[in-house]
């Protein structure tokens, strides 16, 4: 049971954004429309997956600092063709996202979680775990972008929706902070309740 949980951990149990508060900048700054979300999802997923898999072949005998530098170089090289392809599919979106697109090449899953988590697993398990960590980020930015676009702009993927009240502030960075903060609070509350139910609460604890 624990092995299964560790593999799927990144999707719900230890979500990259909602639990670990990593890679939040693209969500807050760029996750205000579904078009932006799709471009970020493509870039984040491709860069992270390829970079982490390629980095797993770096010899562990090298000093830690050297390995981190190599991981960064690998992700930077992967970023080049990924951005070129993105410019073909999302030309206007990429220009709007700007520097936050580049920051995906040095996101926390590549720089931090590789050494702390992924490279301590067998390669097969590592790949499955990595996929669900990526899905965890993708799901969050997709949900956030959908709701922010709907509430702030009254559209879904640029198509106008009949909605009575708009809150334009949710389309701005400070609105992204507020919205993500509410999601994190709700996520952690649900997770704590779930854990409490799974452990049967404190009723079985000794009265001493």
C-alpha atoms as a PDB file:
ATOM      1  CA  UNK A   1       0.000   0.000   0.000  1.00  0.00           C
ATOM      2  CA  UNK A   2       2.801   2.429   0.871  1.00  0.00           C
ATOM      3  CA  UNK A   3       4.628   1.674  -2.353  1.00  0.00           C
ATOM      4  CA  UNK A   4       1.555   2.487  -4.372  1.00  0.00           C
ATOM      5  CA  UNK A   5       1.026   5.681  -2.413  1.00  0.00           C
ATOM      6  CA  UNK A   6       4.613   6.809  -3.024  1.00  0.00           C
ATOM      7  CA  UNK A   7       4.258   6.350  -6.791  1.00  0.00           C
ATOM      8  CA  UNK A   8       0.996   8.344  -7.025  1.00  0.00           C
ATOM      9  CA  UNK A   9       2.073  10.789  -4.342  1.00  0.00           C
ATOM     10  CA  UNK A  10       2.752  13.745  -6.627  1.00  0.00           C
ATOM     11  CA  UNK A  11      -0.785  13.870  -7.981  1.00  0.00           C
ATOM     12  CA  UNK A  12      -2.715  14.294  -4.726  1.00  0.00           C
ATOM     13  CA  UNK A  13      -0.888  13.272  -1.556  1.00  0.00           C
ATOM     14  CA  UNK A  14       2.139  15.544  -2.062  1.00  0.00           C
ATOM     15  CA  UNK A  15       1.049  17.804  -4.898  1.00  0.00           C
ATOM     16  CA  UNK A  16       3.913  19.899  -6.243  1.00  0.00           C
ATOM     17  CA  UNK A  17       2.006  23.176  -6.013  1.00  0.00           C
ATOM     18  CA  UNK A  18      -0.661  22.745  -3.340  1.00  0.00           C
ATOM     19  CA  UNK A  19       1.393  20.761  -0.836  1.00  0.00           C
ATOM     20  CA  UNK A  20       5.027  21.622  -1.517  1.00  0.00           C
ATOM     21  CA  UNK A  21       4.408  25.181  -2.810  1.00  0.00           C
ATOM     22  CA  UNK A  22       6.873  24.626  -5.637  1.00  0.00           C
ATOM     23  CA  UNK A  23       6.598  25.996  -9.185  1.00  0.00           C
ATOM     24  CA  UNK A  24       3.955  28.487  -8.080  1.00  0.00           C
ATOM     25  CA  UNK A  25       5.188  31.465 -10.140  1.00  0.00           C
ATOM     26  CA  UNK A  26       3.821  30.246 -13.504  1.00  0.00           C
ATOM     27  CA  UNK A  27       0.486  29.409 -11.861  1.00  0.00           C
ATOM     28  CA  UNK A  28       0.138  32.828 -10.245  1.00  0.00           C
ATOM     29  CA  UNK A  29       1.556  34.987 -13.024  1.00  0.00           C
ATOM     30  CA  UNK A  30       0.438  33.091 -16.140  1.00  0.00           C
ATOM     31  CA  UNK A  31      -2.415  30.814 -15.054  1.00  0.00           C
ATOM     32  CA  UNK A  32      -5.233  33.224 -15.840  1.00  0.00           C
ATOM     33  CA  UNK A  33      -6.436  31.723 -19.142  1.00  0.00           C
ATOM     34  CA  UNK A  34      -6.692  28.193 -20.522  1.00  0.00           C
ATOM     35  CA  UNK A  35      -4.511  29.112 -23.502  1.00  0.00           C
ATOM     36  CA  UNK A  36      -1.732  30.145 -21.153  1.00  0.00           C
ATOM     37  CA  UNK A  37      -2.264  26.962 -19.143  1.00  0.00           C
ATOM     38  CA  UNK A  38      -1.971  24.718 -22.196  1.00  0.00           C
ATOM     39  CA  UNK A  39       1.315  26.346 -23.216  1.00  0.00           C
ATOM     40  CA  UNK A  40       2.726  26.049 -19.684  1.00  0.00           C
ATOM     41  CA  UNK A  41       1.544  22.436 -19.359  1.00  0.00           C
ATOM     42  CA  UNK A  42       3.222  21.486 -22.625  1.00  0.00           C
ATOM     43  CA  UNK A  43       6.504  23.166 -21.729  1.00  0.00           C
ATOM     44  CA  UNK A  44       6.619  22.076 -18.090  1.00  0.00           C
ATOM     45  CA  UNK A  45       5.752  18.450 -18.882  1.00  0.00           C
ATOM     46  CA  UNK A  46       8.214  18.108 -21.775  1.00  0.00           C
ATOM     47  CA  UNK A  47      11.128  19.911 -20.130  1.00  0.00           C
ATOM     48  CA  UNK A  48      10.717  18.232 -16.740  1.00  0.00           C
ATOM     49  CA  UNK A  49      10.200  14.693 -18.011  1.00  0.00           C
ATOM     50  CA  UNK A  50      13.060  14.702 -20.539  1.00  0.00           C
ATOM     51  CA  UNK A  51      15.464  16.546 -18.218  1.00  0.00           C
ATOM     52  CA  UNK A  52      14.884  14.300 -15.200  1.00  0.00           C
ATOM     53  CA  UNK A  53      15.188  11.112 -17.252  1.00  0.00           C
ATOM     54  CA  UNK A  54      18.380  12.350 -18.938  1.00  0.00           C
ATOM     55  CA  UNK A  55      19.785  13.513 -15.597  1.00  0.00           C
ATOM     56  CA  UNK A  56      19.277  10.076 -14.085  1.00  0.00           C
ATOM     57  CA  UNK A  57      22.232   8.869 -16.169  1.00  0.00           C
ATOM     58  CA  UNK A  58      24.612  11.381 -14.568  1.00  0.00           C
ATOM     59  CA  UNK A  59      27.080   9.439 -12.374  1.00  0.00           C
ATOM     60  CA  UNK A  60      26.230   9.682  -8.668  1.00  0.00           C
ATOM     61  CA  UNK A  61      29.950   9.712  -7.847  1.00  0.00           C
ATOM     62  CA  UNK A  62      30.264  13.293  -9.064  1.00  0.00           C
ATOM     63  CA  UNK A  63      30.113  16.032  -6.386  1.00  0.00           C
ATOM     64  CA  UNK A  64      26.613  17.298  -5.611  1.00  0.00           C
ATOM     65  CA  UNK A  65      27.311  20.810  -6.905  1.00  0.00           C
ATOM     66  CA  UNK A  66      28.627  19.431 -10.192  1.00  0.00           C
ATOM     67  CA  UNK A  67      25.547  17.231 -10.631  1.00  0.00           C
ATOM     68  CA  UNK A  68      23.226  20.220 -10.070  1.00  0.00           C
ATOM     69  CA  UNK A  69      25.119  22.205 -12.695  1.00  0.00           C
ATOM     70  CA  UNK A  70      24.817  19.299 -15.149  1.00  0.00           C
ATOM     71  CA  UNK A  71      21.065  18.991 -14.475  1.00  0.00           C
ATOM     72  CA  UNK A  72      20.691  22.703 -15.213  1.00  0.00           C
ATOM     73  CA  UNK A  73      22.666  22.422 -18.440  1.00  0.00           C
ATOM     74  CA  UNK A  74      20.579  19.451 -19.545  1.00  0.00           C
ATOM     75  CA  UNK A  75      17.284  21.238 -18.873  1.00  0.00           C
ATOM     76  CA  UNK A  76      18.565  24.356 -20.651  1.00  0.00           C
ATOM     77  CA  UNK A  77      19.412  22.303 -23.723  1.00  0.00           C
ATOM     78  CA  UNK A  78      16.005  20.618 -23.618  1.00  0.00           C
ATOM     79  CA  UNK A  79      14.373  24.049 -23.317  1.00  0.00           C
ATOM     80  CA  UNK A  80      15.617  25.152 -26.761  1.00  0.00           C
ATOM     81  CA  UNK A  81      13.650  22.708 -28.966  1.00  0.00           C
ATOM     82  CA  UNK A  82      10.664  22.825 -26.583  1.00  0.00           C
ATOM     83  CA  UNK A  83      10.427  26.603 -26.925  1.00  0.00           C
ATOM     84  CA  UNK A  84      10.874  26.415 -30.688  1.00  0.00           C
ATOM     85  CA  UNK A  85       7.938  23.996 -30.926  1.00  0.00           C
ATOM     86  CA  UNK A  86       5.880  26.129 -28.534  1.00  0.00           C
ATOM     87  CA  UNK A  87       6.382  29.174 -30.731  1.00  0.00           C
ATOM     88  CA  UNK A  88       4.784  27.264 -33.597  1.00  0.00           C
ATOM     89  CA  UNK A  89       1.715  26.194 -31.605  1.00  0.00           C
ATOM     90  CA  UNK A  90       1.338  29.054 -29.097  1.00  0.00           C
ATOM     91  CA  UNK A  91       3.034  32.099 -30.706  1.00  0.00           C
ATOM     92  CA  UNK A  92       1.028  34.831 -28.982  1.00  0.00           C
ATOM     93  CA  UNK A  93       0.887  33.027 -25.664  1.00  0.00           C
ATOM     94  CA  UNK A  94       4.659  32.490 -25.467  1.00  0.00           C
ATOM     95  CA  UNK A  95       5.315  36.191 -25.979  1.00  0.00           C
ATOM     96  CA  UNK A  96       2.870  37.034 -23.186  1.00  0.00           C
ATOM     97  CA  UNK A  97       4.294  34.488 -20.756  1.00  0.00           C
ATOM     98  CA  UNK A  98       7.805  35.827 -21.305  1.00  0.00           C
ATOM     99  CA  UNK A  99      10.424  35.027 -18.682  1.00  0.00           C
ATOM    100  CA  UNK A 100       8.175  32.604 -16.801  1.00  0.00           C
ATOM    101  CA  UNK A 101       8.441  30.219 -19.735  1.00  0.00           C
ATOM    102  CA  UNK A 102      12.227  30.238 -19.353  1.00  0.00           C
ATOM    103  CA  UNK A 103      12.004  29.603 -15.629  1.00  0.00           C
ATOM    104  CA  UNK A 104      10.383  26.241 -16.351  1.00  0.00           C
ATOM    105  CA  UNK A 105      13.827  25.012 -17.390  1.00  0.00           C
ATOM    106  CA  UNK A 106      15.052  25.334 -13.807  1.00  0.00           C
ATOM    107  CA  UNK A 107      11.878  24.369 -11.966  1.00  0.00           C
ATOM    108  CA  UNK A 108      11.982  22.714  -8.546  1.00  0.00           C
ATOM    109  CA  UNK A 109      11.183  19.201  -9.767  1.00  0.00           C
ATOM    110  CA  UNK A 110      14.372  19.236 -11.838  1.00  0.00           C
ATOM    111  CA  UNK A 111      16.691  20.973  -9.396  1.00  0.00           C
ATOM    112  CA  UNK A 112      15.348  19.855  -5.996  1.00  0.00           C
ATOM    113  CA  UNK A 113      13.264  16.680  -6.267  1.00  0.00           C
ATOM    114  CA  UNK A 114      15.738  14.852  -8.500  1.00  0.00           C
ATOM    115  CA  UNK A 115      18.288  14.375  -5.741  1.00  0.00           C
ATOM    116  CA  UNK A 116      15.844  14.363  -2.850  1.00  0.00           C
ATOM    117  CA  UNK A 117      13.377  11.852  -4.301  1.00  0.00           C
ATOM    118  CA  UNK A 118      13.504  10.609  -7.887  1.00  0.00           C
ATOM    119  CA  UNK A 119      17.102   9.420  -8.127  1.00  0.00           C
ATOM    120  CA  UNK A 120      16.737   7.389  -4.948  1.00  0.00           C
ATOM    121  CA  UNK A 121      14.204   5.152  -6.698  1.00  0.00           C
ATOM    122  CA  UNK A 122      14.661   2.392  -9.212  1.00  0.00           C
ATOM    123  CA  UNK A 123      14.335   3.825 -12.713  1.00  0.00           C
ATOM    124  CA  UNK A 124      10.966   2.232 -13.499  1.00  0.00           C
ATOM    125  CA  UNK A 125       9.386   3.466 -10.286  1.00  0.00           C
ATOM    126  CA  UNK A 126      11.046   6.843 -10.750  1.00  0.00           C
ATOM    127  CA  UNK A 127       9.426   7.301 -14.169  1.00  0.00           C
ATOM    128  CA  UNK A 128       5.930   6.550 -12.845  1.00  0.00           C
ATOM    129  CA  UNK A 129       6.428   8.812  -9.835  1.00  0.00           C
ATOM    130  CA  UNK A 130       7.747  11.616 -12.055  1.00  0.00           C
ATOM    131  CA  UNK A 131       4.753  11.342 -14.380  1.00  0.00           C
ATOM    132  CA  UNK A 132       2.307  11.792 -11.503  1.00  0.00           C
ATOM    133  CA  UNK A 133       4.262  14.711 -10.069  1.00  0.00           C
ATOM    134  CA  UNK A 134       3.998  16.349 -13.492  1.00  0.00           C
ATOM    135  CA  UNK A 135       0.279  15.514 -13.675  1.00  0.00           C
ATOM    136  CA  UNK A 136      -0.123  17.106 -10.240  1.00  0.00           C
ATOM    137  CA  UNK A 137       1.224  20.423 -11.496  1.00  0.00           C
ATOM    138  CA  UNK A 138      -0.714  20.176 -14.766  1.00  0.00           C
ATOM    139  CA  UNK A 139      -3.995  19.546 -12.963  1.00  0.00           C
ATOM    140  CA  UNK A 140      -3.541  22.529 -10.651  1.00  0.00           C
ATOM    141  CA  UNK A 141      -2.694  25.071 -13.353  1.00  0.00           C
ATOM    142  CA  UNK A 142      -5.522  23.742 -15.533  1.00  0.00           C
ATOM    143  CA  UNK A 143      -8.111  24.141 -12.759  1.00  0.00           C
ATOM    144  CA  UNK A 144      -6.741  27.510 -11.626  1.00  0.00           C
ATOM    145  CA  UNK A 145      -6.619  28.882 -15.168  1.00  0.00           C
ATOM    146  CA  UNK A 146     -10.119  27.667 -15.992  1.00  0.00           C
ATOM    147  CA  UNK A 147     -11.657  29.270 -12.911  1.00  0.00           C
ATOM    148  CA  UNK A 148      -9.644  32.504 -13.138  1.00  0.00           C
ATOM    149  CA  UNK A 149     -10.471  32.983 -16.818  1.00  0.00           C
ATOM    150  CA  UNK A 150     -14.151  32.336 -16.144  1.00  0.00           C
ATOM    151  CA  UNK A 151     -14.373  34.625 -13.108  1.00  0.00           C
ATOM    152  CA  UNK A 152     -12.054  37.390 -14.301  1.00  0.00           C
ATOM    153  CA  UNK A 153     -12.758  37.517 -18.031  1.00  0.00           C
ATOM    154  CA  UNK A 154     -16.073  35.744 -18.466  1.00  0.00           C
ATOM    155  CA  UNK A 155     -14.604  33.421 -21.077  1.00  0.00           C
ATOM    156  CA  UNK A 156     -13.528  29.788 -21.464  1.00  0.00           C
ATOM    157  CA  UNK A 157     -10.657  29.363 -23.907  1.00  0.00           C
ATOM    158  CA  UNK A 158     -11.466  32.846 -25.254  1.00  0.00           C
ATOM    159  CA  UNK A 159     -15.124  31.994 -25.826  1.00  0.00           C
ATOM    160  CA  UNK A 160     -17.530  34.336 -24.072  1.00  0.00           C
ATOM    161  CA  UNK A 161     -19.673  32.725 -21.366  1.00  0.00           C
ATOM    162  CA  UNK A 162     -22.930  34.126 -19.984  1.00  0.00           C
ATOM    163  CA  UNK A 163     -21.900  35.024 -16.460  1.00  0.00           C
ATOM    164  CA  UNK A 164     -23.490  37.816 -14.423  1.00  0.00           C
ATOM    165  CA  UNK A 165     -20.634  38.927 -12.176  1.00  0.00           C
ATOM    166  CA  UNK A 166     -16.962  39.284 -13.094  1.00  0.00           C
ATOM    167  CA  UNK A 167     -14.104  39.870 -10.671  1.00  0.00           C
ATOM    168  CA  UNK A 168     -11.330  41.238 -12.868  1.00  0.00           C
ATOM    169  CA  UNK A 169      -8.840  41.157  -9.996  1.00  0.00           C
ATOM    170  CA  UNK A 170      -8.579  37.375 -10.272  1.00  0.00           C
ATOM    171  CA  UNK A 171      -6.886  37.887 -13.633  1.00  0.00           C
ATOM    172  CA  UNK A 172      -4.076  39.887 -12.003  1.00  0.00           C
ATOM    173  CA  UNK A 173      -1.093  38.466 -10.072  1.00  0.00           C
ATOM    174  CA  UNK A 174      -2.471  39.448  -6.655  1.00  0.00           C
ATOM    175  CA  UNK A 175      -5.699  37.667  -7.609  1.00  0.00           C
ATOM    176  CA  UNK A 176      -3.640  34.614  -8.460  1.00  0.00           C
ATOM    177  CA  UNK A 177      -2.033  34.711  -5.008  1.00  0.00           C
ATOM    178  CA  UNK A 178      -5.431  34.928  -3.325  1.00  0.00           C
ATOM    179  CA  UNK A 179      -6.968  32.176  -5.448  1.00  0.00           C
ATOM    180  CA  UNK A 180      -4.023  29.815  -5.038  1.00  0.00           C
ATOM    181  CA  UNK A 181      -3.946  30.498  -1.292  1.00  0.00           C
ATOM    182  CA  UNK A 182      -7.608  29.513  -1.004  1.00  0.00           C
ATOM    183  CA  UNK A 183      -6.972  26.350  -3.025  1.00  0.00           C
ATOM    184  CA  UNK A 184      -3.979  25.420  -0.849  1.00  0.00           C
ATOM    185  CA  UNK A 185      -6.022  25.927   2.319  1.00  0.00           C
ATOM    186  CA  UNK A 186      -8.900  23.813   0.991  1.00  0.00           C
ATOM    187  CA  UNK A 187      -6.497  21.119  -0.243  1.00  0.00           C
ATOM    188  CA  UNK A 188      -4.734  20.856   3.097  1.00  0.00           C
ATOM    189  CA  UNK A 189      -8.016  20.797   4.995  1.00  0.00           C
ATOM    190  CA  UNK A 190      -9.352  17.939   2.843  1.00  0.00           C
ATOM    191  CA  UNK A 191      -6.073  16.054   3.183  1.00  0.00           C
ATOM    192  CA  UNK A 192      -6.012  16.413   6.974  1.00  0.00           C
ATOM    193  CA  UNK A 193      -9.624  15.198   7.235  1.00  0.00           C
ATOM    194  CA  UNK A 194      -8.807  12.262   4.970  1.00  0.00           C
ATOM    195  CA  UNK A 195      -5.799  11.310   7.073  1.00  0.00           C
ATOM    196  CA  UNK A 196      -7.856  11.601  10.264  1.00  0.00           C
ATOM    197  CA  UNK A 197     -10.504   9.263   8.841  1.00  0.00           C
ATOM    198  CA  UNK A 198      -7.912   6.783   7.584  1.00  0.00           C
ATOM    199  CA  UNK A 199      -6.278   6.559  11.010  1.00  0.00           C
ATOM    200  CA  UNK A 200      -9.640   6.228  12.740  1.00  0.00           C
ATOM    201  CA  UNK A 201      -9.233   9.488  14.657  1.00  0.00           C
ATOM    202  CA  UNK A 202      -7.965   9.577  18.240  1.00  0.00           C
ATOM    203  CA  UNK A 203     -10.707   7.382  19.684  1.00  0.00           C
ATOM    204  CA  UNK A 204      -8.445   4.338  19.883  1.00  0.00           C
ATOM    205  CA  UNK A 205      -5.663   6.169  21.683  1.00  0.00           C
ATOM    206  CA  UNK A 206      -5.057   5.234  25.327  1.00  0.00           C
ATOM    207  CA  UNK A 207      -6.878   7.432  27.854  1.00  0.00           C
ATOM    208  CA  UNK A 208      -3.716   7.736  29.911  1.00  0.00           C
END
